Every structure is written in C-alpha cells, then in structure tokens.
C-alpha cells in the first residue's frame, strides 16, 4: 500500500506541474486513508481552486478549518 506521504508528494508534484486532474486524484487517495488530516483537505482545496472549482474548494478549506480551527495553511 502506498503511504499518505508518497501520495501527497506525487500530488504536490503534479500540482506544481499544472496537472491538476492527477494532483486531485492523489489527494483524494490520501484522503481515503485519513479524512481527519486538515493539510490533506487544504491541498485538495488548493487543487480545486486551481481548476476553477471554487465552491468545492471552499468546502475543502472549511473542512480543513473545522478539523483544525488554528490551521494557518487554510487558504
């Protein structure tokens, strides 16, 4: 099984390359393993925002803040 760290690294790499669909797929896989990680929700939100899917991005950012109200990374 691929670790969350590996999924996040691949997702970030695709995000930086502008391949948002692949990035989103990796972040979704990571979230299947841990839905309580605010950083994962934030990364998914950043990706969705980059895709122009603003409503979904806001939902992810809100979930990140719900899990950790002091989350300074939530965009």
N, C-alpha and C. Protein backbone atom coordinates (compact mmCIF):
# COMPACT_ATOMS: atom_id res chain seq x y z
N UNK A 1 0.83 -1.18 0.00
CA UNK A 1 0.00 0.00 0.00
C UNK A 1 0.88 1.25 0.00
N UNK A 2 0.49 2.20 -0.78
CA UNK A 2 1.23 3.46 -0.89
C UNK A 2 0.93 4.30 0.35
N UNK A 3 1.95 4.93 0.90
CA UNK A 3 1.75 5.75 2.10
C UNK A 3 1.13 7.10 1.76
N UNK A 4 0.56 7.72 2.77
CA UNK A 4 -0.01 9.05 2.59
C UNK A 4 1.07 10.03 2.14
N UNK A 5 2.25 9.91 2.74
CA UNK A 5 3.35 10.80 2.37
C UNK A 5 3.71 10.70 0.90
N UNK A 6 3.72 9.48 0.38
CA UNK A 6 4.02 9.29 -1.05
C UNK A 6 2.93 9.88 -1.92
N UNK A 7 1.68 9.69 -1.51
CA UNK A 7 0.56 10.25 -2.28
C UNK A 7 0.62 11.76 -2.29
N UNK A 8 0.91 12.35 -1.14
CA UNK A 8 0.99 13.81 -1.04
C UNK A 8 2.13 14.34 -1.89
N UNK A 9 3.26 13.68 -1.84
CA UNK A 9 4.40 14.13 -2.64
C UNK A 9 4.08 14.09 -4.14
N UNK A 10 3.45 13.01 -4.59
CA UNK A 10 3.07 12.91 -6.00
C UNK A 10 2.03 13.97 -6.35
N UNK A 11 1.07 14.16 -5.44
CA UNK A 11 0.04 15.17 -5.68
C UNK A 11 0.62 16.56 -5.79
N UNK A 12 1.55 16.89 -4.90
CA UNK A 12 2.20 18.21 -4.94
C UNK A 12 3.01 18.38 -6.21
N UNK A 13 3.69 17.33 -6.64
CA UNK A 13 4.49 17.40 -7.86
C UNK A 13 3.61 17.69 -9.07
N UNK A 14 2.48 16.99 -9.16
CA UNK A 14 1.56 17.23 -10.28
C UNK A 14 0.93 18.61 -10.18
N UNK A 15 0.67 19.07 -8.96
CA UNK A 15 0.10 20.40 -8.77
C UNK A 15 1.07 21.46 -9.29
N UNK A 16 2.34 21.32 -8.95
CA UNK A 16 3.36 22.27 -9.42
C UNK A 16 3.52 22.23 -10.94
N UNK A 17 3.30 21.04 -11.52
CA UNK A 17 3.42 20.89 -12.97
C UNK A 17 2.16 21.37 -13.71
N UNK A 18 1.12 21.70 -12.96
CA UNK A 18 -0.11 22.16 -13.58
C UNK A 18 -1.03 21.03 -14.01
N UNK A 19 -0.73 19.81 -13.61
CA UNK A 19 -1.57 18.65 -13.95
C UNK A 19 -2.54 18.44 -12.79
N UNK A 20 -3.58 19.27 -12.77
CA UNK A 20 -4.48 19.32 -11.64
C UNK A 20 -5.33 18.06 -11.49
N UNK A 21 -5.71 17.43 -12.58
CA UNK A 21 -6.52 16.20 -12.50
C UNK A 21 -5.75 15.10 -11.77
N UNK A 22 -4.49 14.91 -12.14
CA UNK A 22 -3.68 13.89 -11.48
C UNK A 22 -3.42 14.27 -10.04
N UNK A 23 -3.16 15.55 -9.80
CA UNK A 23 -2.93 16.02 -8.44
C UNK A 23 -4.14 15.72 -7.57
N UNK A 24 -5.31 16.04 -8.06
CA UNK A 24 -6.55 15.81 -7.31
C UNK A 24 -6.72 14.32 -7.01
N UNK A 25 -6.40 13.47 -7.97
CA UNK A 25 -6.54 12.02 -7.77
C UNK A 25 -5.65 11.54 -6.63
N UNK A 26 -4.43 12.05 -6.55
CA UNK A 26 -3.53 11.64 -5.47
C UNK A 26 -4.02 12.15 -4.12
N UNK A 27 -4.50 13.39 -4.06
CA UNK A 27 -5.00 13.92 -2.80
C UNK A 27 -6.27 13.18 -2.36
N UNK A 28 -7.11 12.80 -3.32
CA UNK A 28 -8.30 12.02 -2.98
C UNK A 28 -7.91 10.65 -2.41
N UNK A 29 -6.90 10.03 -3.00
CA UNK A 29 -6.43 8.74 -2.47
C UNK A 29 -5.90 8.89 -1.05
N UNK A 30 -5.17 9.96 -0.80
CA UNK A 30 -4.65 10.21 0.54
C UNK A 30 -5.80 10.42 1.52
N UNK A 31 -6.83 11.13 1.10
CA UNK A 31 -7.97 11.37 1.98
C UNK A 31 -8.75 10.09 2.27
N UNK A 32 -8.69 9.12 1.37
CA UNK A 32 -9.34 7.84 1.65
C UNK A 32 -8.66 7.15 2.83
N UNK A 33 -7.39 7.42 3.02
CA UNK A 33 -6.64 6.82 4.12
C UNK A 33 -6.78 7.62 5.42
N UNK A 34 -6.98 8.93 5.31
CA UNK A 34 -7.06 9.78 6.51
C UNK A 34 -7.90 11.01 6.22
N UNK A 35 -9.17 10.95 6.59
CA UNK A 35 -10.07 12.08 6.36
C UNK A 35 -10.02 13.11 7.48
N UNK A 36 -9.17 12.88 8.48
CA UNK A 36 -9.11 13.80 9.61
C UNK A 36 -7.87 14.70 9.54
N UNK A 37 -7.17 14.67 8.43
CA UNK A 37 -5.94 15.46 8.28
C UNK A 37 -6.27 16.79 7.60
N UNK A 38 -6.20 17.91 8.32
CA UNK A 38 -6.57 19.20 7.72
C UNK A 38 -5.66 19.60 6.56
N UNK A 39 -4.40 19.17 6.59
CA UNK A 39 -3.48 19.51 5.50
C UNK A 39 -3.93 18.87 4.18
N UNK A 40 -4.44 17.66 4.25
CA UNK A 40 -4.91 16.99 3.04
C UNK A 40 -6.11 17.73 2.45
N UNK A 41 -7.02 18.15 3.31
CA UNK A 41 -8.19 18.90 2.83
C UNK A 41 -7.75 20.23 2.22
N UNK A 42 -6.76 20.85 2.82
CA UNK A 42 -6.27 22.12 2.29
C UNK A 42 -5.63 21.93 0.92
N UNK A 43 -4.83 20.88 0.77
CA UNK A 43 -4.19 20.61 -0.52
C UNK A 43 -5.23 20.31 -1.60
N UNK A 44 -6.25 19.57 -1.22
CA UNK A 44 -7.33 19.31 -2.18
C UNK A 44 -8.01 20.62 -2.57
N UNK A 45 -8.24 21.48 -1.58
CA UNK A 45 -8.86 22.77 -1.86
C UNK A 45 -8.01 23.63 -2.79
N UNK A 46 -6.71 23.65 -2.57
CA UNK A 46 -5.81 24.41 -3.44
C UNK A 46 -5.90 23.89 -4.88
N UNK A 47 -5.94 22.58 -5.00
CA UNK A 47 -6.02 21.98 -6.34
C UNK A 47 -7.34 22.34 -7.01
N UNK A 48 -8.43 22.20 -6.28
CA UNK A 48 -9.74 22.54 -6.85
C UNK A 48 -9.81 24.01 -7.23
N UNK A 49 -9.24 24.86 -6.40
CA UNK A 49 -9.22 26.30 -6.72
C UNK A 49 -8.45 26.54 -8.01
N UNK A 50 -7.35 25.82 -8.18
CA UNK A 50 -6.55 25.96 -9.40
C UNK A 50 -7.32 25.50 -10.63
N UNK A 51 -8.28 24.61 -10.42
CA UNK A 51 -9.10 24.10 -11.52
C UNK A 51 -10.31 24.98 -11.78
N UNK A 52 -10.48 26.02 -10.96
CA UNK A 52 -11.64 26.89 -11.12
C UNK A 52 -12.89 26.34 -10.47
N UNK A 53 -12.76 25.31 -9.66
CA UNK A 53 -13.90 24.69 -8.98
C UNK A 53 -14.00 25.30 -7.57
N UNK A 54 -14.40 26.56 -7.55
CA UNK A 54 -14.32 27.37 -6.34
C UNK A 54 -15.24 26.90 -5.21
N UNK A 55 -16.45 26.51 -5.53
CA UNK A 55 -17.37 26.08 -4.48
C UNK A 55 -16.84 24.84 -3.76
N UNK A 56 -16.33 23.90 -4.53
CA UNK A 56 -15.76 22.69 -3.94
C UNK A 56 -14.50 23.02 -3.13
N UNK A 57 -13.72 23.96 -3.64
CA UNK A 57 -12.50 24.37 -2.92
C UNK A 57 -12.86 24.96 -1.57
N UNK A 58 -13.88 25.81 -1.53
CA UNK A 58 -14.30 26.42 -0.27
C UNK A 58 -14.75 25.35 0.72
N UNK A 59 -15.45 24.34 0.22
CA UNK A 59 -15.88 23.25 1.10
C UNK A 59 -14.66 22.55 1.72
N UNK A 60 -13.62 22.34 0.92
CA UNK A 60 -12.41 21.69 1.43
C UNK A 60 -11.70 22.57 2.45
N UNK A 61 -11.61 23.86 2.15
CA UNK A 61 -10.97 24.78 3.10
C UNK A 61 -11.76 24.83 4.41
N UNK A 62 -13.08 24.83 4.30
CA UNK A 62 -13.91 24.85 5.51
C UNK A 62 -13.73 23.56 6.31
N UNK A 63 -13.61 22.43 5.62
CA UNK A 63 -13.38 21.16 6.31
C UNK A 63 -12.03 21.19 7.02
N UNK A 64 -11.02 21.76 6.37
CA UNK A 64 -9.70 21.89 6.97
C UNK A 64 -9.79 22.71 8.26
N UNK A 65 -10.50 23.82 8.20
CA UNK A 65 -10.65 24.69 9.38
C UNK A 65 -11.51 24.05 10.46
N UNK A 66 -12.49 23.25 10.04
CA UNK A 66 -13.32 22.53 11.01
C UNK A 66 -12.47 21.54 11.81
N UNK A 67 -11.55 20.88 11.12
CA UNK A 67 -10.69 19.91 11.78
C UNK A 67 -9.62 20.57 12.64
N UNK A 68 -9.16 21.73 12.20
CA UNK A 68 -8.13 22.46 12.96
C UNK A 68 -8.38 23.95 12.80
N UNK A 69 -9.17 24.53 13.70
CA UNK A 69 -9.51 25.95 13.59
C UNK A 69 -8.30 26.88 13.57
N UNK A 70 -7.18 26.41 14.06
CA UNK A 70 -5.97 27.24 14.06
C UNK A 70 -5.11 26.95 12.85
N UNK A 71 -5.66 26.23 11.87
CA UNK A 71 -4.88 25.84 10.69
C UNK A 71 -4.48 27.08 9.90
N UNK A 72 -3.23 27.47 10.00
CA UNK A 72 -2.73 28.68 9.34
C UNK A 72 -2.55 28.48 7.83
N UNK A 73 -2.56 27.22 7.37
CA UNK A 73 -2.35 26.93 5.96
C UNK A 73 -3.64 27.00 5.14
N UNK A 74 -4.78 26.98 5.80
CA UNK A 74 -6.05 27.01 5.07
C UNK A 74 -6.13 28.29 4.27
N UNK A 75 -6.35 28.13 3.00
CA UNK A 75 -6.31 29.29 2.10
C UNK A 75 -7.62 30.03 2.14
